[in-house]
């Protein structure tokens, strides 16, 4: 589809900003709304329900009723599987609409909304649907006089709060295992990107998920989000977002009903390239492609690049040659690979970090400016700093924008020490032709995922999450079921 076609389709798009509670589209109880603006050109997309504690009460009650009457939890795993697979199929059928909503709402290129976000969302729903009737319970070893069963049961009402950088994918990572396990869900998308979550709720109903089982509440974090975290009838909450808010979620969970709280939080991922890197071109392409993908708005972005001193100049020369191909463009043009920053606030934050880098003495080699100002949208050039050290603000704090910091090293152990000298521990990478060195480095890096001679090359089959203040628990893989189920022991006396 051409850029003109996508713009024409966007102009005809009907936006429904109402919440989905108990299978119905409804405005907030208090009648409050907020304006949803597109970061690609500032256009008004529509008004969205501004849900608060009153709406949370209604949604949680609907979810609880659905759970207690077993309309979903009581179905066999095979029955839930069929519905979730249909849900996945329908996501793909509605793929163009969902991709367009995602791009208009948060600014990512339509190229990736289609090829990455829609596909990954459908795949996640399908994978957990396929998995749930293949997860077996256990029988413990006992004497002949007893039978001990260890079974998994759905935890109950699950609240999920997801961020704006990958709205559909992050929603799927939460709702797919939770629904597959038989829970009822209340999802709160970011107020910056609520539209695809709301459409997913419609599509779920079309697929056969019963009313009340999957509810979506748009709204602000301090209103709807806090109310979910504090709610006494929510059994579990899964949150993806900043470390600051994640800590608040944990506190609220503790001060309310001690609900299970699972968090996937910030990152400041280190990418270590050794002089014996087996393919320098591949290392450069991965470093540049991964940091600028999604405008740098990824928690696992490799924003700290450690390059061994003997190859640093060559590495940077190759990196700078790639920069022109990552310049921001019209997100509705399928040739664009870098789109808009999500809103003016985030753009200001990113530009502030760039100024801090310059003030701290880092060498700005490329980018560093706002671009496409005539568009009315929020665009920042891909930015590359050299001469960065670990004390600089841009090397310590999560920027969540297209900013790459290059640090040099001569001793690998020192690079590992610097890589670990952060409060985060989400992802890392090492590039070396020496297998023993790769394994030793991977073991030494304190991160939930370590890539070797590649970056981002994983899939739904492996867990995703972090060490330290990058969160607790894991999304993706069979391990995600641990978050949304309870283990029950049933000890039966025989004879």
Foldseek 3Di string as FASTA:
>chain_A
DFLVVLVVVLVVDDFQQAWAALNDGHAEPVNDWDWQAFQLFRDTSDIHHAHFLVVLVRLLVLQQVCLVVLPQQVDDLLVLLQLLLLLLVVLLVCQLVLLSLLCRLFWAASLCSRPPQSNQLSVLSNVLSVCLVVDDWDWDDDPPQKTKTKDKAFQEEEEEEEESLRQRNSVSLQVRLQSSRRYAYEYEYELSRQGSLRVSSVSSVVSPDGGSRYIYDYHHCVGHVLSQLQPQSHQEYEYEEALVVLVVSCVSCVVHNVHHYWYQHAAAAAEEEEPQFPDLLQSLCQLQLQCCASQNQDRHRNQEYEYAPVCVVVSVVSNVVCQVLQFEDNSSGSSHRHTFGSAPVLLVLLLVLLVQCVVVPWAKDDWSDWPPVVSNRHGGGQTETEPDDCVGPSNADRSSGRYHYYDYDNDVVVVQVSSQPYQWAFEYEYGHPDPVVRVVSVVSRQHPYYYYSHPPPDGQQDWGHTPGSSIDFTGGHPSNNVRGIDIDMDMGGHD
